[in-house]
Amino acid sequence: MSRVRPAPLPVRDGLGPARVRLRGGAVLVELADRFGETVAAKVFDGGVVTAAGDVVTPATVLPPGAHVYLYRDLPQEIPVPFEMPLLYRDDDIVVVDKPHFLATMPRGRHVAETAVVRLRRELDLPELSPAHRLDRLTAGVLLFTTRREVRGRYQRLFAEGAVAKVYLARSAGRTDARLPTVVRSRIVKQRGRLQAFEEAGEPNAETLVEHLGDDRYRLTPRTGRTHQLRLHMAGLGLALRNDPLYPDIVDVAPDDFSRPLQLLAHSVEFDDPLTGARHRFVSERTL
C-alpha cells in the first residue's frame, strides 16, 4: 500500500494541486515575490492551503520547509492529435495504448495534454496514477492504477524488475556488433540536460538487442533507466529513426507531429500482485 500522504486538495479536472516548498515567513509575501501577483491573489480567494488543509490567509506565517498547495493556472497547450485506445480495465488497473508525443505525467509545458490527465477526465478516475512511465515520444503499452491504496503494489513490480517488457524499434543505422547482443553500461540523466549519457563505473542499464530483419529490431530492457533504449541503440550505431536527441540534438517544432520516434513499447507481462493472475498486454500499434 502506498505510504504517500494525500494532498490536502482533491484532483480537479484531472489535475492535482501544485505543492510549493516555502523559505519561511509571510506566505502571501513569498508567493508574490516568487510567482507574481496572480498566484498571490489565490490567497485572497481562499485557494491556498497548508499541508494540514488549513486555508492560508494574508496573515499566515509558516516556517522554512513548510509546504502549501494550490491549483495551477493551465498554460496554453498544443493538442496532441492522436487517440489513446483502452486495452484493459478492471477495478485496480487501466492499460492503454499511448500514442507518440503524449507525455505520461504533467511536466513543463505539457500539463493537460498528458496521458494521466486525459484518462482522469475521460474515465472519471481522480486517483488514477501511472505504475511506470514512457517517454513522451515513445508509444505503446502504459499501465495505470485506479486507486491510491493499490498504487504501491504495482509500482513496485516495475521498480523491482518483475515486469517483462518488450519494445520494437526501427533504425536506419549500421553496426559492426554481432546481433543478438546484450548492451550493459552506466547511464546518468541529469536535471536540465536533455541527453542522458554513459560514464565509467558499475553498469546500471542492460538491454538485449535482436535484429528482426531490414531496419526492425526487438529490444528487451532488463533495467529501466531514462532514455536507456535510445542511448544503447545509438551507441551501437543504430540510432532510432526520427530520434531528436540521439546521437545529436535536433530542434523540432512543438506542433510538428509528422516524424514520430520509431520506438514502441510492444508488450508488458507480469503476475498481478493482488490476484496472482498472469497478465500480458500487447500494443495494437505498428511502426
C-alpha atoms as a PDB file:
ATOM      1  CA  MET A   1       0.000   0.000   0.000  1.00  0.00           C
ATOM      2  CA  SER A   2       1.246   3.480  -0.862  1.00  0.00           C
ATOM      3  CA  ARG A   3       2.570   5.467   2.101  1.00  0.00           C
ATOM      4  CA  VAL A   4       2.471   8.805   0.289  1.00  0.00           C
ATOM      5  CA  ARG A   5       0.392  11.312   2.239  1.00  0.00           C
ATOM      6  CA  PRO A   6      -2.576  12.505   0.179  1.00  0.00           C
ATOM      7  CA  ALA A   7      -2.597  16.132  -0.920  1.00  0.00           C
ATOM      8  CA  PRO A   8      -4.988  18.312   1.119  1.00  0.00           C
ATOM      9  CA  LEU A   9      -6.799  19.406  -2.069  1.00  0.00           C
ATOM     10  CA  PRO A  10      -8.560  16.898  -4.343  1.00  0.00           C
ATOM     11  CA  VAL A  11      -7.849  16.314  -8.011  1.00  0.00           C
ATOM     12  CA  ARG A  12      -9.783  18.883 -10.025  1.00  0.00           C
ATOM     13  CA  ASP A  13     -10.493  18.407 -13.742  1.00  0.00           C
ATOM     14  CA  GLY A  14      -7.845  15.715 -13.923  1.00  0.00           C
ATOM     15  CA  LEU A  15      -5.116  17.688 -12.165  1.00  0.00           C
ATOM     16  CA  GLY A  16      -3.861  17.551  -8.619  1.00  0.00           C
ATOM     17  CA  PRO A  17      -2.724  20.689  -6.785  1.00  0.00           C
ATOM     18  CA  ALA A  18       0.780  22.101  -7.076  1.00  0.00           C
ATOM     19  CA  ARG A  19       2.946  21.819  -3.958  1.00  0.00           C
ATOM     20  CA  VAL A  20       5.208  24.761  -3.066  1.00  0.00           C
ATOM     21  CA  ARG A  21       8.009  24.447  -0.512  1.00  0.00           C
ATOM     22  CA  LEU A  22       8.429  27.704   1.390  1.00  0.00           C
ATOM     23  CA  ARG A  23      11.524  29.562   2.502  1.00  0.00           C
ATOM     24  CA  GLY A  24       9.585  30.703   5.550  1.00  0.00           C
ATOM     25  CA  GLY A  25       7.765  33.814   6.704  1.00  0.00           C
ATOM     26  CA  ALA A  26       4.623  35.508   5.419  1.00  0.00           C
ATOM     27  CA  VAL A  27       3.139  33.201   2.791  1.00  0.00           C
ATOM     28  CA  LEU A  28       1.439  35.964   0.798  1.00  0.00           C
ATOM     29  CA  VAL A  29       4.662  37.973   0.501  1.00  0.00           C
ATOM     30  CA  GLU A  30       6.687  34.951  -0.553  1.00  0.00           C
ATOM     31  CA  LEU A  31       4.192  33.797  -3.182  1.00  0.00           C
ATOM     32  CA  ALA A  32       4.029  37.302  -4.655  1.00  0.00           C
ATOM     33  CA  ASP A  33       7.833  37.554  -4.703  1.00  0.00           C
ATOM     34  CA  ARG A  34       8.402  34.149  -6.273  1.00  0.00           C
ATOM     35  CA  PHE A  35       5.436  33.734  -8.595  1.00  0.00           C
ATOM     36  CA  GLY A  36       3.822  37.129  -9.065  1.00  0.00           C
ATOM     37  CA  GLU A  37       0.537  38.722  -8.135  1.00  0.00           C
ATOM     38  CA  THR A  38      -1.594  36.175  -9.999  1.00  0.00           C
ATOM     39  CA  VAL A  39      -0.519  33.391  -7.658  1.00  0.00           C
ATOM     40  CA  ALA A  40      -0.567  35.635  -4.599  1.00  0.00           C
ATOM     41  CA  ALA A  41      -4.160  36.570  -5.393  1.00  0.00           C
ATOM     42  CA  LYS A  42      -5.175  32.966  -4.769  1.00  0.00           C
ATOM     43  CA  VAL A  43      -4.562  33.614  -1.062  1.00  0.00           C
ATOM     44  CA  PHE A  44      -7.329  36.235  -1.030  1.00  0.00           C
ATOM     45  CA  ASP A  45      -9.639  33.778  -2.818  1.00  0.00           C
ATOM     46  CA  GLY A  46      -9.013  31.043  -0.227  1.00  0.00           C
ATOM     47  CA  GLY A  47      -7.300  28.916  -2.870  1.00  0.00           C
ATOM     48  CA  VAL A  48      -4.076  28.166  -0.960  1.00  0.00           C
ATOM     49  CA  VAL A  49      -3.955  25.637   1.884  1.00  0.00           C
ATOM     50  CA  THR A  50      -1.334  24.185   4.191  1.00  0.00           C
ATOM     51  CA  ALA A  51      -0.329  20.515   4.288  1.00  0.00           C
ATOM     52  CA  ALA A  52      -2.872  20.077   7.078  1.00  0.00           C
ATOM     53  CA  GLY A  53      -5.618  21.522   4.883  1.00  0.00           C
ATOM     54  CA  ASP A  54      -5.918  24.875   6.672  1.00  0.00           C
ATOM     55  CA  VAL A  55      -6.755  27.814   4.432  1.00  0.00           C
ATOM     56  CA  VAL A  56      -3.884  30.296   4.106  1.00  0.00           C
ATOM     57  CA  THR A  57      -4.848  33.920   4.807  1.00  0.00           C
ATOM     58  CA  PRO A  58      -2.924  37.155   4.119  1.00  0.00           C
ATOM     59  CA  ALA A  59      -1.677  36.995   7.730  1.00  0.00           C
ATOM     60  CA  THR A  60      -0.443  33.380   7.633  1.00  0.00           C
ATOM     61  CA  VAL A  61       3.217  32.853   8.557  1.00  0.00           C
ATOM     62  CA  LEU A  62       4.843  29.436   8.121  1.00  0.00           C
ATOM     63  CA  PRO A  63       8.326  28.110   8.975  1.00  0.00           C
ATOM     64  CA  PRO A  64      11.042  27.303   6.415  1.00  0.00           C
ATOM     65  CA  GLY A  65      10.428  23.988   4.687  1.00  0.00           C
ATOM     66  CA  ALA A  66       6.655  24.071   5.124  1.00  0.00           C
ATOM     67  CA  HIS A  67       4.506  23.325   2.092  1.00  0.00           C
ATOM     68  CA  VAL A  68       1.405  24.970   0.712  1.00  0.00           C
ATOM     69  CA  TYR A  69      -0.891  23.654  -2.014  1.00  0.00           C
ATOM     70  CA  LEU A  70      -2.788  25.451  -4.760  1.00  0.00           C
ATOM     71  CA  TYR A  71      -4.256  24.783  -8.177  1.00  0.00           C
ATOM     72  CA  ARG A  72      -2.066  25.999 -11.005  1.00  0.00           C
ATOM     73  CA  ASP A  73      -3.309  28.064 -13.933  1.00  0.00           C
ATOM     74  CA  LEU A  74      -3.051  25.925 -17.034  1.00  0.00           C
ATOM     75  CA  PRO A  75      -0.779  27.087 -19.862  1.00  0.00           C
ATOM     76  CA  GLN A  76      -1.919  27.180 -23.459  1.00  0.00           C
ATOM     77  CA  GLU A  77      -1.050  23.788 -24.930  1.00  0.00           C
ATOM     78  CA  ILE A  78      -0.877  22.366 -28.421  1.00  0.00           C
ATOM     79  CA  PRO A  79      -3.327  19.437 -28.597  1.00  0.00           C
ATOM     80  CA  VAL A  80      -1.770  16.060 -29.350  1.00  0.00           C
ATOM     81  CA  PRO A  81      -3.967  14.890 -32.259  1.00  0.00           C
ATOM     82  CA  PHE A  82      -3.910  11.148 -31.567  1.00  0.00           C
ATOM     83  CA  GLU A  83      -6.241   8.745 -29.763  1.00  0.00           C
ATOM     84  CA  MET A  84      -5.255   6.590 -26.790  1.00  0.00           C
ATOM     85  CA  PRO A  85      -7.116   3.249 -27.085  1.00  0.00           C
ATOM     86  CA  LEU A  86      -8.059   1.367 -23.933  1.00  0.00           C
ATOM     87  CA  LEU A  87      -6.534  -2.128 -23.853  1.00  0.00           C
ATOM     88  CA  TYR A  88      -7.820  -3.321 -20.464  1.00  0.00           C
ATOM     89  CA  ARG A  89      -9.654  -2.104 -17.389  1.00  0.00           C
ATOM     90  CA  ASP A  90     -10.676  -3.603 -14.063  1.00  0.00           C
ATOM     91  CA  ASP A  91     -11.200  -2.260 -10.538  1.00  0.00           C
ATOM     92  CA  ASP A  92      -7.453  -1.878  -9.932  1.00  0.00           C
ATOM     93  CA  ILE A  93      -5.704  -1.077 -13.216  1.00  0.00           C
ATOM     94  CA  VAL A  94      -6.202   0.611 -16.567  1.00  0.00           C
ATOM     95  CA  VAL A  95      -3.980  -0.250 -19.541  1.00  0.00           C
ATOM     96  CA  VAL A  96      -3.806   1.973 -22.617  1.00  0.00           C
ATOM     97  CA  ASP A  97      -2.005   2.133 -25.944  1.00  0.00           C
ATOM     98  CA  LYS A  98      -0.301   5.526 -25.578  1.00  0.00           C
ATOM     99  CA  PRO A  99       0.361   7.484 -28.768  1.00  0.00           C
ATOM    100  CA  HIS A 100       3.621   9.149 -29.686  1.00  0.00           C
ATOM    101  CA  PHE A 101       4.048  12.775 -28.481  1.00  0.00           C
ATOM    102  CA  LEU A 102       1.808  12.391 -25.406  1.00  0.00           C
ATOM    103  CA  ALA A 103       3.651  12.704 -22.067  1.00  0.00           C
ATOM    104  CA  THR A 104       2.753  10.274 -19.296  1.00  0.00           C
ATOM    105  CA  MET A 105       2.651  12.873 -16.482  1.00  0.00           C
ATOM    106  CA  PRO A 106       2.423  16.688 -16.348  1.00  0.00           C
ATOM    107  CA  ARG A 107       5.796  18.342 -16.709  1.00  0.00           C
ATOM    108  CA  GLY A 108       6.964  21.653 -18.129  1.00  0.00           C
ATOM    109  CA  ARG A 109       4.703  22.849 -20.917  1.00  0.00           C
ATOM    110  CA  HIS A 110       2.842  19.521 -21.067  1.00  0.00           C
ATOM    111  CA  VAL A 111       0.101  19.520 -18.416  1.00  0.00           C
ATOM    112  CA  ALA A 112      -3.421  18.818 -19.639  1.00  0.00           C
ATOM    113  CA  GLU A 113      -2.081  17.153 -22.779  1.00  0.00           C
ATOM    114  CA  THR A 114      -0.754  14.160 -20.852  1.00  0.00           C
ATOM    115  CA  ALA A 115      -1.930  10.575 -20.580  1.00  0.00           C
ATOM    116  CA  VAL A 116      -2.820  10.710 -16.884  1.00  0.00           C
ATOM    117  CA  VAL A 117      -4.882  13.918 -17.133  1.00  0.00           C
ATOM    118  CA  ARG A 118      -6.722  12.765 -20.249  1.00  0.00           C
ATOM    119  CA  LEU A 119      -7.644   9.476 -18.598  1.00  0.00           C
ATOM    120  CA  ARG A 120      -8.702  11.002 -15.283  1.00  0.00           C
ATOM    121  CA  ARG A 121     -11.113  13.203 -17.195  1.00  0.00           C
ATOM    122  CA  GLU A 122     -12.378  10.580 -19.647  1.00  0.00           C
ATOM    123  CA  LEU A 123     -12.815   7.769 -17.110  1.00  0.00           C
ATOM    124  CA  ASP A 124     -13.739   9.924 -14.100  1.00  0.00           C
ATOM    125  CA  LEU A 125     -10.949   8.378 -12.018  1.00  0.00           C
ATOM    126  CA  PRO A 126      -9.365  11.202  -9.982  1.00  0.00           C
ATOM    127  CA  GLU A 127      -6.876   8.862  -8.226  1.00  0.00           C
ATOM    128  CA  LEU A 128      -5.586   7.335 -11.463  1.00  0.00           C
ATOM    129  CA  SER A 129      -1.779   7.209 -11.425  1.00  0.00           C
ATOM    130  CA  PRO A 130       0.883   5.595 -13.663  1.00  0.00           C
ATOM    131  CA  ALA A 131       2.553   2.426 -12.406  1.00  0.00           C
ATOM    132  CA  HIS A 132       5.506   3.255 -14.697  1.00  0.00           C
ATOM    133  CA  ARG A 133       6.309   5.827 -17.362  1.00  0.00           C
ATOM    134  CA  LEU A 134       7.004   6.041 -21.047  1.00  0.00           C
ATOM    135  CA  ASP A 135       8.912   8.896 -22.653  1.00  0.00           C
ATOM    136  CA  ARG A 136       6.690  11.466 -24.336  1.00  0.00           C
ATOM    137  CA  LEU A 137       7.998  10.416 -27.750  1.00  0.00           C
ATOM    138  CA  THR A 138       7.582   6.663 -27.134  1.00  0.00           C
ATOM    139  CA  ALA A 139       4.277   4.962 -27.943  1.00  0.00           C
ATOM    140  CA  GLY A 140       2.795   1.760 -26.607  1.00  0.00           C
ATOM    141  CA  VAL A 141       1.556  -0.132 -23.561  1.00  0.00           C
ATOM    142  CA  LEU A 142       1.188   2.002 -20.442  1.00  0.00           C
ATOM    143  CA  LEU A 143      -0.332   0.796 -17.161  1.00  0.00           C
ATOM    144  CA  PHE A 144      -2.140   2.901 -14.546  1.00  0.00           C
ATOM    145  CA  THR A 145      -3.562   2.137 -11.134  1.00  0.00           C
ATOM    146  CA  THR A 146      -7.067   3.332 -10.344  1.00  0.00           C
ATOM    147  CA  ARG A 147      -6.849   3.806  -6.570  1.00  0.00           C
ATOM    148  CA  ARG A 148      -4.261   5.155  -4.130  1.00  0.00           C
ATOM    149  CA  GLU A 149      -4.379   2.074  -1.897  1.00  0.00           C
ATOM    150  CA  VAL A 150      -3.178  -0.298  -4.654  1.00  0.00           C
ATOM    151  CA  ARG A 151      -0.704   2.062  -6.334  1.00  0.00           C
ATOM    152  CA  GLY A 152       2.428   0.956  -4.493  1.00  0.00           C
ATOM    153  CA  ARG A 153       1.938  -2.750  -5.209  1.00  0.00           C
ATOM    154  CA  TYR A 154       2.003  -2.240  -8.976  1.00  0.00           C
ATOM    155  CA  GLN A 155       4.717   0.407  -8.940  1.00  0.00           C
ATOM    156  CA  ARG A 156       6.987  -1.999  -7.062  1.00  0.00           C
ATOM    157  CA  LEU A 157       6.610  -4.582  -9.824  1.00  0.00           C
ATOM    158  CA  PHE A 158       8.230  -2.186 -12.282  1.00  0.00           C
ATOM    159  CA  ALA A 159      10.776  -0.830  -9.791  1.00  0.00           C
ATOM    160  CA  GLU A 160      11.935  -4.337  -8.884  1.00  0.00           C
ATOM    161  CA  GLY A 161      12.166  -5.604 -12.480  1.00  0.00           C
ATOM    162  CA  ALA A 162       9.295  -8.075 -12.092  1.00  0.00           C
ATOM    163  CA  VAL A 163       7.664  -6.969 -15.379  1.00  0.00           C
ATOM    164  CA  ALA A 164       8.801  -8.451 -18.692  1.00  0.00           C
ATOM    165  CA  LYS A 165       8.862  -5.630 -21.250  1.00  0.00           C
ATOM    166  CA  VAL A 166       9.469  -5.870 -24.990  1.00  0.00           C
ATOM    167  CA  TYR A 167       9.960  -2.922 -27.346  1.00  0.00           C
ATOM    168  CA  LEU A 168      10.068  -2.726 -31.124  1.00  0.00           C
ATOM    169  CA  ALA A 169      12.199  -0.184 -32.955  1.00  0.00           C
ATOM    170  CA  ARG A 170      13.358   0.901 -36.396  1.00  0.00           C
ATOM    171  CA  SER A 171      16.812   2.182 -37.253  1.00  0.00           C
ATOM    172  CA  ALA A 172      18.499   3.223 -40.474  1.00  0.00           C
ATOM    173  CA  GLY A 173      21.934   2.801 -38.922  1.00  0.00           C
ATOM    174  CA  ARG A 174      24.571   0.129 -39.325  1.00  0.00           C
ATOM    175  CA  THR A 175      26.558  -1.706 -36.694  1.00  0.00           C
ATOM    176  CA  ASP A 176      29.627  -3.894 -36.516  1.00  0.00           C
ATOM    177  CA  ALA A 177      28.225  -5.615 -33.440  1.00  0.00           C
ATOM    178  CA  ARG A 178      27.102  -9.205 -33.810  1.00  0.00           C
ATOM    179  CA  LEU A 179      23.413  -9.467 -33.046  1.00  0.00           C
ATOM    180  CA  PRO A 180      21.767 -10.519 -30.856  1.00  0.00           C
ATOM    181  CA  THR A 181      23.842  -8.796 -28.204  1.00  0.00           C
ATOM    182  CA  VAL A 182      23.411  -7.603 -24.638  1.00  0.00           C
ATOM    183  CA  VAL A 183      24.439  -3.990 -24.038  1.00  0.00           C
ATOM    184  CA  ARG A 184      25.471  -3.062 -20.499  1.00  0.00           C
ATOM    185  CA  SER A 185      26.576   0.403 -19.378  1.00  0.00           C
ATOM    186  CA  ARG A 186      26.277   3.006 -16.662  1.00  0.00           C
ATOM    187  CA  ILE A 187      23.709   5.654 -17.660  1.00  0.00           C
ATOM    188  CA  VAL A 188      23.312   9.022 -15.947  1.00  0.00           C
ATOM    189  CA  LYS A 189      20.494  11.533 -16.547  1.00  0.00           C
ATOM    190  CA  GLN A 190      20.999  14.986 -15.025  1.00  0.00           C
ATOM    191  CA  ARG A 191      18.232  17.529 -14.422  1.00  0.00           C
ATOM    192  CA  GLY A 192      18.333  20.308 -17.004  1.00  0.00           C
ATOM    193  CA  ARG A 193      20.341  18.264 -19.503  1.00  0.00           C
ATOM    194  CA  LEU A 194      18.322  16.886 -22.420  1.00  0.00           C
ATOM    195  CA  GLN A 195      20.514  13.897 -23.176  1.00  0.00           C
ATOM    196  CA  ALA A 196      21.371  11.070 -20.837  1.00  0.00           C
ATOM    197  CA  PHE A 197      24.985   9.918 -21.085  1.00  0.00           C
ATOM    198  CA  GLU A 198      27.171   6.950 -20.289  1.00  0.00           C
ATOM    199  CA  GLU A 199      30.063   7.064 -17.861  1.00  0.00           C
ATOM    200  CA  ALA A 200      32.630   4.673 -16.428  1.00  0.00           C
ATOM    201  CA  GLY A 201      31.542   2.602 -13.465  1.00  0.00           C
ATOM    202  CA  GLU A 202      29.308  -0.257 -12.436  1.00  0.00           C
ATOM    203  CA  PRO A 203      26.648  -0.850 -15.139  1.00  0.00           C
ATOM    204  CA  ASN A 204      23.135   0.116 -14.137  1.00  0.00           C
ATOM    205  CA  ALA A 205      21.462  -0.450 -17.521  1.00  0.00           C
ATOM    206  CA  GLU A 206      21.110  -3.615 -19.598  1.00  0.00           C
ATOM    207  CA  THR A 207      19.361  -4.209 -22.939  1.00  0.00           C
ATOM    208  CA  LEU A 208      19.067  -7.277 -25.162  1.00  0.00           C
ATOM    209  CA  VAL A 209      19.125  -6.149 -28.823  1.00  0.00           C
ATOM    210  CA  GLU A 210      17.879  -8.500 -31.557  1.00  0.00           C
ATOM    211  CA  HIS A 211      17.668  -7.876 -35.310  1.00  0.00           C
ATOM    212  CA  LEU A 212      14.299  -8.824 -36.841  1.00  0.00           C
ATOM    213  CA  GLY A 213      15.310  -8.121 -40.430  1.00  0.00           C
ATOM    214  CA  ASP A 214      15.564  -4.995 -42.578  1.00  0.00           C
ATOM    215  CA  ASP A 215      15.502  -1.965 -40.251  1.00  0.00           C
ATOM    216  CA  ARG A 216      13.461  -3.608 -37.461  1.00  0.00           C
ATOM    217  CA  TYR A 217      14.745  -4.549 -34.001  1.00  0.00           C
ATOM    218  CA  ARG A 218      13.396  -6.097 -30.824  1.00  0.00           C
ATOM    219  CA  LEU A 219      14.673  -4.558 -27.598  1.00  0.00           C
ATOM    220  CA  THR A 220      14.299  -6.256 -24.224  1.00  0.00           C
ATOM    221  CA  PRO A 221      15.340  -3.969 -21.366  1.00  0.00           C
ATOM    222  CA  ARG A 222      16.356  -5.682 -18.151  1.00  0.00           C
ATOM    223  CA  THR A 223      16.538  -2.331 -16.342  1.00  0.00           C
ATOM    224  CA  GLY A 224      14.609   0.930 -16.760  1.00  0.00           C
ATOM    225  CA  ARG A 225      16.957   3.898 -16.959  1.00  0.00           C
ATOM    226  CA  THR A 226      15.803   7.125 -18.609  1.00  0.00           C
ATOM    227  CA  HIS A 227      16.404   7.002 -22.407  1.00  0.00           C
ATOM    228  CA  GLN A 228      18.130   3.628 -21.976  1.00  0.00           C
ATOM    229  CA  LEU A 229      16.990   2.078 -25.252  1.00  0.00           C
ATOM    230  CA  ARG A 230      17.639   5.172 -27.325  1.00  0.00           C
ATOM    231  CA  LEU A 231      21.114   5.615 -25.872  1.00  0.00           C
ATOM    232  CA  HIS A 232      22.090   1.949 -26.187  1.00  0.00           C
ATOM    233  CA  MET A 233      20.937   1.791 -29.803  1.00  0.00           C
ATOM    234  CA  ALA A 234      22.781   4.992 -30.696  1.00  0.00           C
ATOM    235  CA  GLY A 235      25.903   3.577 -29.048  1.00  0.00           C
ATOM    236  CA  LEU A 236      25.726   0.568 -31.365  1.00  0.00           C
ATOM    237  CA  GLY A 237      25.482   2.843 -34.400  1.00  0.00           C
ATOM    238  CA  LEU A 238      21.762   2.078 -34.640  1.00  0.00           C
ATOM    239  CA  ALA A 239      20.196   5.407 -33.687  1.00  0.00           C
ATOM    240  CA  LEU A 240      16.423   5.164 -33.909  1.00  0.00           C
ATOM    241  CA  ARG A 241      14.607   6.727 -36.817  1.00  0.00           C
ATOM    242  CA  ASN A 242      13.284  10.230 -36.049  1.00  0.00           C
ATOM    243  CA  ASP A 243      15.109  10.484 -32.716  1.00  0.00           C
ATOM    244  CA  PRO A 244      15.620  14.204 -31.967  1.00  0.00           C
ATOM    245  CA  LEU A 245      18.111  13.562 -29.139  1.00  0.00           C
ATOM    246  CA  TYR A 246      20.461  10.728 -30.079  1.00  0.00           C
ATOM    247  CA  PRO A 247      23.101  10.819 -31.271  1.00  0.00           C
ATOM    248  CA  ASP A 248      22.607  14.578 -31.875  1.00  0.00           C
ATOM    249  CA  ILE A 249      20.029  17.081 -30.682  1.00  0.00           C
ATOM    250  CA  VAL A 250      17.685  18.210 -33.447  1.00  0.00           C
ATOM    251  CA  ASP A 251      15.341  21.181 -32.999  1.00  0.00           C
ATOM    252  CA  VAL A 252      11.757  20.111 -33.758  1.00  0.00           C
ATOM    253  CA  ALA A 253       8.785  22.490 -33.746  1.00  0.00           C
ATOM    254  CA  PRO A 254       6.363  21.697 -30.896  1.00  0.00           C
ATOM    255  CA  ASP A 255       3.452  21.355 -33.340  1.00  0.00           C
ATOM    256  CA  ASP A 256       5.311  19.003 -35.715  1.00  0.00           C
ATOM    257  CA  PHE A 257       3.780  15.536 -35.307  1.00  0.00           C
ATOM    258  CA  SER A 258       4.942  14.273 -38.692  1.00  0.00           C
ATOM    259  CA  ARG A 259       8.009  12.273 -37.623  1.00  0.00           C
ATOM    260  CA  PRO A 260       7.224  10.018 -34.641  1.00  0.00           C
ATOM    261  CA  LEU A 261      10.123   8.342 -32.892  1.00  0.00           C
ATOM    262  CA  GLN A 262      10.326   4.776 -34.126  1.00  0.00           C
ATOM    263  CA  LEU A 263      10.112   3.159 -30.701  1.00  0.00           C
ATOM    264  CA  LEU A 264       7.128   1.188 -29.429  1.00  0.00           C
ATOM    265  CA  ALA A 265       6.513  -0.369 -26.009  1.00  0.00           C
ATOM    266  CA  HIS A 266       5.101  -3.504 -27.625  1.00  0.00           C
ATOM    267  CA  SER A 267       4.176  -5.620 -24.591  1.00  0.00           C
ATOM    268  CA  VAL A 268       4.306  -5.973 -20.822  1.00  0.00           C
ATOM    269  CA  GLU A 269       3.817  -9.215 -18.881  1.00  0.00           C
ATOM    270  CA  PHE A 270       3.603  -9.799 -15.129  1.00  0.00           C
ATOM    271  CA  ASP A 271       1.866 -11.615 -12.294  1.00  0.00           C
ATOM    272  CA  ASP A 272      -0.830  -9.461 -10.760  1.00  0.00           C
ATOM    273  CA  PRO A 273       0.285  -8.608  -7.203  1.00  0.00           C
ATOM    274  CA  LEU A 274      -3.307  -8.663  -5.926  1.00  0.00           C
ATOM    275  CA  THR A 275      -4.885 -11.635  -7.711  1.00  0.00           C
ATOM    276  CA  GLY A 276      -1.878 -13.674  -8.849  1.00  0.00           C
ATOM    277  CA  ALA A 277      -3.265 -13.777 -12.402  1.00  0.00           C
ATOM    278  CA  ARG A 278      -0.783 -13.664 -15.269  1.00  0.00           C
ATOM    279  CA  HIS A 279      -1.293 -10.572 -17.425  1.00  0.00           C
ATOM    280  CA  ARG A 280       0.098  -9.885 -20.877  1.00  0.00           C
ATOM    281  CA  PHE A 281      -0.840  -6.692 -22.673  1.00  0.00           C
ATOM    282  CA  VAL A 282       0.171  -6.063 -26.294  1.00  0.00           C
ATOM    283  CA  SER A 283       0.103  -2.829 -28.259  1.00  0.00           C
ATOM    284  CA  GLU A 284      -2.070  -2.736 -31.356  1.00  0.00           C
ATOM    285  CA  ARG A 285       0.223  -0.160 -32.975  1.00  0.00           C
ATOM    286  CA  THR A 286       2.781  -0.819 -35.673  1.00  0.00           C
ATOM    287  CA  LEU A 287       5.961   1.014 -36.628  1.00  0.00           C
END
